[in-house]
PDB file of N, CA and C in Angstrom:
ATOM      1  N   MET A   1      84.291  31.900 -17.531  1.00  0.00           N
ATOM      2  CA  MET A   1      83.581  32.738 -16.588  1.00  0.00           C
ATOM      3  C   MET A   1      82.749  33.746 -17.382  1.00  0.00           C
ATOM      4  N   SER A   2      81.517  33.898 -16.985  1.00  0.00           N
ATOM      5  CA  SER A   2      80.653  34.812 -17.720  1.00  0.00           C
ATOM      6  C   SER A   2      81.057  36.262 -17.469  1.00  0.00           C
ATOM      7  N   LYS A   3      80.695  37.111 -18.405  1.00  0.00           N
ATOM      8  CA  LYS A   3      81.023  38.532 -18.287  1.00  0.00           C
ATOM      9  C   LYS A   3      80.375  39.134 -17.042  1.00  0.00           C
ATOM     10  N   THR A   4      79.173  38.723 -16.721  1.00  0.00           N
ATOM     11  CA  THR A   4      78.463  39.261 -15.566  1.00  0.00           C
ATOM     12  C   THR A   4      79.203  38.933 -14.275  1.00  0.00           C
ATOM     13  N   LEU A   5      79.654  37.699 -14.136  1.00  0.00           N
ATOM     14  CA  LEU A   5      80.384  37.302 -12.937  1.00  0.00           C
ATOM     15  C   LEU A   5      81.676  38.102 -12.808  1.00  0.00           C
ATOM     16  N   THR A   6      82.359  38.299 -13.908  1.00  0.00           N
ATOM     17  CA  THR A   6      83.590  39.096 -13.913  1.00  0.00           C
ATOM     18  C   THR A   6      83.298  40.528 -13.488  1.00  0.00           C
ATOM     19  N   GLU A   7      82.210  41.079 -13.980  1.00  0.00           N
ATOM     20  CA  GLU A   7      81.830  42.451 -13.628  1.00  0.00           C
ATOM     21  C   GLU A   7      81.485  42.561 -12.146  1.00  0.00           C
ATOM     22  N   ILE A   8      80.795  41.564 -11.618  1.00  0.00           N
ATOM     23  CA  ILE A   8      80.419  41.571 -10.198  1.00  0.00           C
ATOM     24  C   ILE A   8      81.670  41.500  -9.328  1.00  0.00           C
ATOM     25  N   ARG A   9      82.598  40.611  -9.681  1.00  0.00           N
ATOM     26  CA  ARG A   9      83.840  40.506  -8.916  1.00  0.00           C
ATOM     27  C   ARG A   9      84.625  41.815  -8.968  1.00  0.00           C
ATOM     28  N   SER A  10      84.687  42.407 -10.125  1.00  0.00           N
ATOM     29  CA  SER A  10      85.409  43.668 -10.284  1.00  0.00           C
ATOM     30  C   SER A  10      84.774  44.768  -9.433  1.00  0.00           C
ATOM     31  N   LEU A  11      83.466  44.838  -9.446  1.00  0.00           N
ATOM     32  CA  LEU A  11      82.764  45.840  -8.646  1.00  0.00           C
ATOM     33  C   LEU A  11      83.008  45.603  -7.158  1.00  0.00           C
ATOM     34  N   ALA A  12      82.908  44.357  -6.730  1.00  0.00           N
ATOM     35  CA  ALA A  12      83.143  44.038  -5.312  1.00  0.00           C
ATOM     36  C   ALA A  12      84.571  44.388  -4.913  1.00  0.00           C
ATOM     37  N   ARG A  13      85.518  44.062  -5.753  1.00  0.00           N
ATOM     38  CA  ARG A  13      86.926  44.343  -5.448  1.00  0.00           C
ATOM     39  C   ARG A  13      87.206  45.843  -5.398  1.00  0.00           C
ATOM     40  N   SER A  14      86.430  46.627  -6.130  1.00  0.00           N
ATOM     41  CA  SER A  14      86.637  48.076  -6.099  1.00  0.00           C
ATOM     42  C   SER A  14      86.271  48.664  -4.735  1.00  0.00           C
ATOM     43  N   HIS A  15      85.544  47.917  -3.918  1.00  0.00           N
ATOM     44  CA  HIS A  15      85.131  48.375  -2.588  1.00  0.00           C
ATOM     45  C   HIS A  15      85.973  47.752  -1.480  1.00  0.00           C
ATOM     46  N   THR A  16      87.065  47.113  -1.833  1.00  0.00           N
ATOM     47  CA  THR A  16      87.888  46.426  -0.839  1.00  0.00           C
ATOM     48  C   THR A  16      88.384  47.354   0.254  1.00  0.00           C
ATOM     49  N   SER A  17      88.921  48.490  -0.117  1.00  0.00           N
ATOM     50  CA  SER A  17      89.472  49.427   0.864  1.00  0.00           C
ATOM     51  C   SER A  17      88.393  49.883   1.847  1.00  0.00           C
ATOM     52  N   THR A  18      87.225  50.217   1.340  1.00  0.00           N
ATOM     53  CA  THR A  18      86.121  50.657   2.200  1.00  0.00           C
ATOM     54  C   THR A  18      85.690  49.531   3.134  1.00  0.00           C
ATOM     55  N   ALA A  19      85.598  48.326   2.596  1.00  0.00           N
ATOM     56  CA  ALA A  19      85.168  47.182   3.403  1.00  0.00           C
ATOM     57  C   ALA A  19      86.160  46.904   4.531  1.00  0.00           C
ATOM     58  N   ILE A  20      87.440  46.956   4.224  1.00  0.00           N
ATOM     59  CA  ILE A  20      88.455  46.742   5.259  1.00  0.00           C
ATOM     60  C   ILE A  20      88.356  47.833   6.323  1.00  0.00           C
ATOM     61  N   ASN A  21      88.154  49.076   5.890  1.00  0.00           N
ATOM     62  CA  ASN A  21      88.018  50.179   6.852  1.00  0.00           C
ATOM     63  C   ASN A  21      86.811  49.986   7.762  1.00  0.00           C
ATOM     64  N   VAL A  22      85.711  49.469   7.221  1.00  0.00           N
ATOM     65  CA  VAL A  22      84.520  49.200   8.037  1.00  0.00           C
ATOM     66  C   VAL A  22      84.827  48.103   9.052  1.00  0.00           C
ATOM     67  N   LEU A  23      85.501  47.043   8.599  1.00  0.00           N
ATOM     68  CA  LEU A  23      85.862  45.954   9.519  1.00  0.00           C
ATOM     69  C   LEU A  23      86.760  46.462  10.644  1.00  0.00           C
ATOM     70  N   VAL A  24      87.725  47.313  10.311  1.00  0.00           N
ATOM     71  CA  VAL A  24      88.623  47.878  11.323  1.00  0.00           C
ATOM     72  C   VAL A  24      87.829  48.747  12.297  1.00  0.00           C
ATOM     73  N   ALA A  25      86.906  49.542  11.786  1.00  0.00           N
ATOM     74  CA  ALA A  25      86.091  50.398  12.655  1.00  0.00           C
ATOM     75  C   ALA A  25      85.257  49.553  13.625  1.00  0.00           C
ATOM     76  N   ILE A  26      84.686  48.468  13.137  1.00  0.00           N
ATOM     77  CA  ILE A  26      83.897  47.585  14.015  1.00  0.00           C
ATOM     78  C   ILE A  26      84.806  46.933  15.049  1.00  0.00           C
ATOM     79  N   MET A  27      85.959  46.454  14.605  1.00  0.00           N
ATOM     80  CA  MET A  27      86.898  45.798  15.502  1.00  0.00           C
ATOM     81  C   MET A  27      87.334  46.742  16.630  1.00  0.00           C
ATOM     82  N   ARG A  28      87.498  48.010  16.331  1.00  0.00           N
ATOM     83  CA  ARG A  28      87.968  48.991  17.318  1.00  0.00           C
ATOM     84  C   ARG A  28      86.842  49.625  18.132  1.00  0.00           C
ATOM     85  N   SER A  29      85.604  49.439  17.702  1.00  0.00           N
ATOM     86  CA  SER A  29      84.471  50.105  18.344  1.00  0.00           C
ATOM     87  C   SER A  29      84.170  49.526  19.726  1.00  0.00           C
ATOM     88  N   LYS A  30      84.121  50.400  20.701  1.00  0.00           N
ATOM     89  CA  LYS A  30      83.753  49.969  22.056  1.00  0.00           C
ATOM     90  C   LYS A  30      82.244  49.733  22.168  1.00  0.00           C
ATOM     91  N   ASP A  31      81.476  50.251  21.198  1.00  0.00           N
ATOM     92  CA  ASP A  31      80.025  50.067  21.202  1.00  0.00           C
ATOM     93  C   ASP A  31      79.602  48.752  20.550  1.00  0.00           C
ATOM     94  N   ALA A  32      80.484  48.169  19.753  1.00  0.00           N
ATOM     95  CA  ALA A  32      80.158  46.902  19.080  1.00  0.00           C
ATOM     96  C   ALA A  32      80.210  45.766  20.092  1.00  0.00           C
ATOM     97  N   THR A  33      79.408  44.749  19.851  1.00  0.00           N
ATOM     98  CA  THR A  33      79.438  43.584  20.735  1.00  0.00           C
ATOM     99  C   THR A  33      80.779  42.873  20.585  1.00  0.00           C
ATOM    100  N   ALA A  34      81.120  42.107  21.579  1.00  0.00           N
ATOM    101  CA  ALA A  34      82.367  41.344  21.523  1.00  0.00           C
ATOM    102  C   ALA A  34      82.367  40.402  20.325  1.00  0.00           C
ATOM    103  N   ALA A  35      81.219  39.787  20.051  1.00  0.00           N
ATOM    104  CA  ALA A  35      81.116  38.858  18.915  1.00  0.00           C
ATOM    105  C   ALA A  35      81.362  39.578  17.597  1.00  0.00           C
ATOM    106  N   ALA A  36      80.829  40.782  17.457  1.00  0.00           N
ATOM    107  CA  ALA A  36      81.035  41.550  16.226  1.00  0.00           C
ATOM    108  C   ALA A  36      82.498  41.947  16.080  1.00  0.00           C
ATOM    109  N   ARG A  37      83.125  42.325  17.178  1.00  0.00           N
ATOM    110  CA  ARG A  37      84.538  42.717  17.142  1.00  0.00           C
ATOM    111  C   ARG A  37      85.429  41.537  16.765  1.00  0.00           C
ATOM    112  N   VAL A  38      85.162  40.383  17.359  1.00  0.00           N
ATOM    113  CA  VAL A  38      85.945  39.181  17.036  1.00  0.00           C
ATOM    114  C   VAL A  38      85.723  38.780  15.587  1.00  0.00           C
ATOM    115  N   SER A  39      84.488  38.836  15.134  1.00  0.00           N
ATOM    116  CA  SER A  39      84.179  38.490  13.752  1.00  0.00           C
ATOM    117  C   SER A  39      84.906  39.403  12.771  1.00  0.00           C
ATOM    118  N   ALA A  40      84.910  40.683  13.060  1.00  0.00           N
ATOM    119  CA  ALA A  40      85.613  41.641  12.203  1.00  0.00           C
ATOM    120  C   ALA A  40      87.116  41.376  12.220  1.00  0.00           C
ATOM    121  N   ALA A  41      87.668  41.114  13.402  1.00  0.00           N
ATOM    122  CA  ALA A  41      89.100  40.828  13.508  1.00  0.00           C
ATOM    123  C   ALA A  41      89.462  39.565  12.724  1.00  0.00           C
ATOM    124  N   ASN A  42      88.650  38.536  12.847  1.00  0.00           N
ATOM    125  CA  ASN A  42      88.898  37.296  12.091  1.00  0.00           C
ATOM    126  C   ASN A  42      88.828  37.537  10.590  1.00  0.00           C
ATOM    127  N   ALA A  43      87.869  38.322  10.150  1.00  0.00           N
ATOM    128  CA  ALA A  43      87.735  38.612   8.722  1.00  0.00           C
ATOM    129  C   ALA A  43      88.971  39.349   8.213  1.00  0.00           C
ATOM    130  N   ILE A  44      89.482  40.281   9.005  1.00  0.00           N
ATOM    131  CA  ILE A  44      90.683  41.022   8.609  1.00  0.00           C
ATOM    132  C   ILE A  44      91.881  40.077   8.518  1.00  0.00           C
ATOM    133  N   LEU A  45      92.051  39.241   9.542  1.00  0.00           N
ATOM    134  CA  LEU A  45      93.170  38.295   9.538  1.00  0.00           C
ATOM    135  C   LEU A  45      93.072  37.312   8.374  1.00  0.00           C
ATOM    136  N   ASP A  46      91.872  36.805   8.107  1.00  0.00           N
ATOM    137  CA  ASP A  46      91.679  35.857   7.005  1.00  0.00           C
ATOM    138  C   ASP A  46      92.058  36.479   5.669  1.00  0.00           C
ATOM    139  N   ARG A  47      91.706  37.729   5.479  1.00  0.00           N
ATOM    140  CA  ARG A  47      92.006  38.386   4.205  1.00  0.00           C
ATOM    141  C   ARG A  47      93.486  38.739   4.088  1.00  0.00           C
ATOM    142  N   GLY A  48      94.116  39.057   5.214  1.00  0.00           N
ATOM    143  CA  GLY A  48      95.519  39.432   5.178  1.00  0.00           C
ATOM    144  C   GLY A  48      96.477  38.253   5.178  1.00  0.00           C
ATOM    145  N   TRP A  49      96.101  37.189   5.880  1.00  0.00           N
ATOM    146  CA  TRP A  49      97.014  36.064   6.063  1.00  0.00           C
ATOM    147  C   TRP A  49      96.445  34.743   5.576  1.00  0.00           C
ATOM    148  N   GLY A  50      95.205  34.725   5.132  1.00  0.00           N
ATOM    149  CA  GLY A  50      94.565  33.478   4.718  1.00  0.00           C
ATOM    150  C   GLY A  50      93.989  32.767   5.929  1.00  0.00           C
ATOM    151  N   LYS A  51      93.075  31.872   5.675  1.00  0.00           N
ATOM    152  CA  LYS A  51      92.466  31.116   6.770  1.00  0.00           C
ATOM    153  C   LYS A  51      93.492  30.148   7.339  1.00  0.00           C
ATOM    154  N   SER A  52      93.427  29.954   8.649  1.00  0.00           N
ATOM    155  CA  SER A  52      94.370  29.036   9.280  1.00  0.00           C
ATOM    156  C   SER A  52      94.040  27.602   8.873  1.00  0.00           C
ATOM    157  N   THR A  53      95.079  26.781   8.811  1.00  0.00           N
ATOM    158  CA  THR A  53      94.879  25.384   8.432  1.00  0.00           C
ATOM    159  C   THR A  53      94.354  24.605   9.621  1.00  0.00           C
ATOM    160  N   GLN A  54      93.626  23.557   9.338  1.00  0.00           N
ATOM    161  CA  GLN A  54      93.104  22.698  10.383  1.00  0.00           C
ATOM    162  C   GLN A  54      93.927  21.419  10.413  1.00  0.00           C
ATOM    163  N   VAL A  55      94.324  21.040  11.593  1.00  0.00           N
ATOM    164  CA  VAL A  55      95.115  19.831  11.747  1.00  0.00           C
ATOM    165  C   VAL A  55      94.187  18.629  11.719  1.00  0.00           C
ATOM    166  N   LEU A  56      94.565  17.639  10.921  1.00  0.00           N
ATOM    167  CA  LEU A  56      93.808  16.395  10.875  1.00  0.00           C
ATOM    168  C   LEU A  56      94.548  15.371  11.720  1.00  0.00           C
ATOM    169  N   GLU A  57      93.839  14.768  12.642  1.00  0.00           N
ATOM    170  CA  GLU A  57      94.476  13.767  13.486  1.00  0.00           C
ATOM    171  C   GLU A  57      94.333  12.401  12.838  1.00  0.00           C
ATOM    172  N   GLY A  58      95.396  11.650  12.896  1.00  0.00           N
ATOM    173  CA  GLY A  58      95.398  10.327  12.289  1.00  0.00           C
ATOM    174  C   GLY A  58      95.415   9.238  13.339  1.00  0.00           C
ATOM    175  N   THR A  59      95.691   8.025  12.891  1.00  0.00           N
ATOM    176  CA  THR A  59      95.778   6.882  13.783  1.00  0.00           C
ATOM    177  C   THR A  59      97.149   6.864  14.441  1.00  0.00           C
ATOM    178  N   GLU A  60      97.450   5.820  15.195  1.00  0.00           N
ATOM    179  CA  GLU A  60      98.718   5.728  15.918  1.00  0.00           C
ATOM    180  C   GLU A  60      99.925   5.872  15.002  1.00  0.00           C
ATOM    181  N   ASN A  61      99.856   5.316  13.799  1.00  0.00           N
ATOM    182  CA  ASN A  61     101.001   5.399  12.891  1.00  0.00           C
ATOM    183  C   ASN A  61     100.967   6.668  12.043  1.00  0.00           C
ATOM    184  N   GLY A  62     100.043   7.563  12.332  1.00  0.00           N
ATOM    185  CA  GLY A  62     100.002   8.837  11.634  1.00  0.00           C
ATOM    186  C   GLY A  62      99.148   8.846  10.381  1.00  0.00           C
ATOM    187  N   ALA A  63      98.683   7.691   9.948  1.00  0.00           N
ATOM    188  CA  ALA A  63      97.879   7.624   8.726  1.00  0.00           C
ATOM    189  C   ALA A  63      96.458   8.095   9.014  1.00  0.00           C
ATOM    190  N   LEU A  64      95.913   8.775   8.052  1.00  0.00           N
ATOM    191  CA  LEU A  64      94.519   9.193   8.177  1.00  0.00           C
ATOM    192  C   LEU A  64      93.620   8.044   7.783  1.00  0.00           C
ATOM    193  N   GLU A  65      92.597   7.855   8.552  1.00  0.00           N
ATOM    194  CA  GLU A  65      91.649   6.787   8.258  1.00  0.00           C
ATOM    195  C   GLU A  65      90.349   7.422   7.797  1.00  0.00           C
ATOM    196  N   LEU A  66      89.993   7.150   6.576  1.00  0.00           N
ATOM    197  CA  LEU A  66      88.755   7.675   6.029  1.00  0.00           C
ATOM    198  C   LEU A  66      87.781   6.527   5.834  1.00  0.00           C
ATOM    199  N   ILE A  67      86.573   6.762   6.236  1.00  0.00           N
ATOM    200  CA  ILE A  67      85.539   5.746   6.085  1.00  0.00           C
ATOM    201  C   ILE A  67      84.455   6.321   5.189  1.00  0.00           C
ATOM    202  N   HIS A  68      84.191   5.622   4.119  1.00  0.00           N
ATOM    203  CA  HIS A  68      83.141   6.035   3.193  1.00  0.00           C
ATOM    204  C   HIS A  68      82.002   5.037   3.317  1.00  0.00           C
ATOM    205  N   ARG A  69      80.811   5.544   3.358  1.00  0.00           N
ATOM    206  CA  ARG A  69      79.652   4.672   3.475  1.00  0.00           C
ATOM    207  C   ARG A  69      78.629   5.095   2.450  1.00  0.00           C
ATOM    208  N   ILE A  70      78.240   4.159   1.663  1.00  0.00           N
ATOM    209  CA  ILE A  70      77.178   4.398   0.692  1.00  0.00           C
ATOM    210  C   ILE A  70      76.041   3.456   1.064  1.00  0.00           C
ATOM    211  N   GLU A  71      74.890   4.033   1.203  1.00  0.00           N
ATOM    212  CA  GLU A  71      73.740   3.234   1.588  1.00  0.00           C
ATOM    213  C   GLU A  71      72.654   3.393   0.543  1.00  0.00           C
ATOM    214  N   ARG A  72      72.142   2.285   0.111  1.00  0.00           N
ATOM    215  CA  ARG A  72      71.069   2.304  -0.874  1.00  0.00           C
ATOM    216  C   ARG A  72      69.791   1.887  -0.178  1.00  0.00           C
ATOM    217  N   VAL A  73      68.788   2.702  -0.307  1.00  0.00           N
ATOM    218  CA  VAL A  73      67.504   2.425   0.317  1.00  0.00           C
ATOM    219  C   VAL A  73      66.477   2.241  -0.788  1.00  0.00           C
ATOM    220  N   ILE A  74      65.806   1.103  -0.740  1.00  0.00           N
ATOM    221  CA  ILE A  74      64.753   0.817  -1.709  1.00  0.00           C
ATOM    222  C   ILE A  74      63.429   1.010  -0.995  1.00  0.00           C
ATOM    223  N   VAL A  75      62.605   1.851  -1.580  1.00  0.00           N
ATOM    224  CA  VAL A  75      61.327   2.183  -0.965  1.00  0.00           C
ATOM    225  C   VAL A  75      60.205   1.539  -1.756  1.00  0.00           C
ATOM    226  N   ASP A  76      59.343   0.864  -1.031  1.00  0.00           N
ATOM    227  CA  ASP A  76      58.162   0.262  -1.636  1.00  0.00           C
ATOM    228  C   ASP A  76      57.091   1.342  -1.703  1.00  0.00           C
ATOM    229  N   PRO A  77      56.580   1.658  -2.907  1.00  0.00           N
ATOM    230  CA  PRO A  77      55.565   2.717  -3.033  1.00  0.00           C
ATOM    231  C   PRO A  77      54.354   2.499  -2.136  1.00  0.00           C
ATOM    232  N   GLU A  78      54.031   1.251  -1.844  1.00  0.00           N
ATOM    233  CA  GLU A  78      52.866   0.991  -0.991  1.00  0.00           C
ATOM    234  C   GLU A  78      53.163   1.320   0.467  1.00  0.00           C
ATOM    235  N   ASP A  79      54.435   1.440   0.833  1.00  0.00           N
ATOM    236  CA  ASP A  79      54.809   1.804   2.182  1.00  0.00           C
ATOM    237  C   ASP A  79      55.137   3.287   2.309  1.00  0.00           C
ATOM    238  N   SER A  80      54.739   4.073   1.346  1.00  0.00           N
ATOM    239  CA  SER A  80      55.122   5.487   1.326  1.00  0.00           C
ATOM    240  C   SER A  80      54.512   6.277   2.481  1.00  0.00           C
ATOM    241  N   HIS A  81      53.533   5.718   3.154  1.00  0.00           N
ATOM    242  CA  HIS A  81      52.916   6.400   4.290  1.00  0.00           C
ATOM    243  C   HIS A  81      53.709   6.233   5.573  1.00  0.00           C
ATOM    244  N   ARG A  82      54.762   5.419   5.548  1.00  0.00           N
ATOM    245  CA  ARG A  82      55.580   5.198   6.735  1.00  0.00           C
ATOM    246  C   ARG A  82      56.292   6.479   7.134  1.00  0.00           C
ATOM    247  N   GLU A  83      56.348   6.746   8.420  1.00  0.00           N
ATOM    248  CA  GLU A  83      56.952   7.988   8.904  1.00  0.00           C
ATOM    249  C   GLU A  83      58.465   7.915   8.993  1.00  0.00           C
ATOM    250  N   ASP A  84      59.061   6.736   8.997  1.00  0.00           N
ATOM    251  CA  ASP A  84      60.511   6.641   9.175  1.00  0.00           C
ATOM    252  C   ASP A  84      61.291   6.742   7.882  1.00  0.00           C
ATOM    253  N   LEU A  85      60.661   7.138   6.782  1.00  0.00           N
ATOM    254  CA  LEU A  85      61.368   7.273   5.504  1.00  0.00           C
ATOM    255  C   LEU A  85      61.954   8.617   5.348  1.00  0.00           C
TER     256      LEU A  85
END
């Protein structure tokens, strides 16, 4: 990790308390929009408890089915004026 990145992280972390206080103030503010209040509340919860996990649904036997698709498209330079490329 470069020294600059370390310095930036350190500087940002030094403002953690202030940032949390701002989020709490927004969350509690009756003047803030509902969306801003929810966003602030989610940010506080994420930092305190981590982001919630997402459940992945599988097939009938519980196995996850992943489908990978790789498509190779060969373009003819003389057809480069086509709009569907």
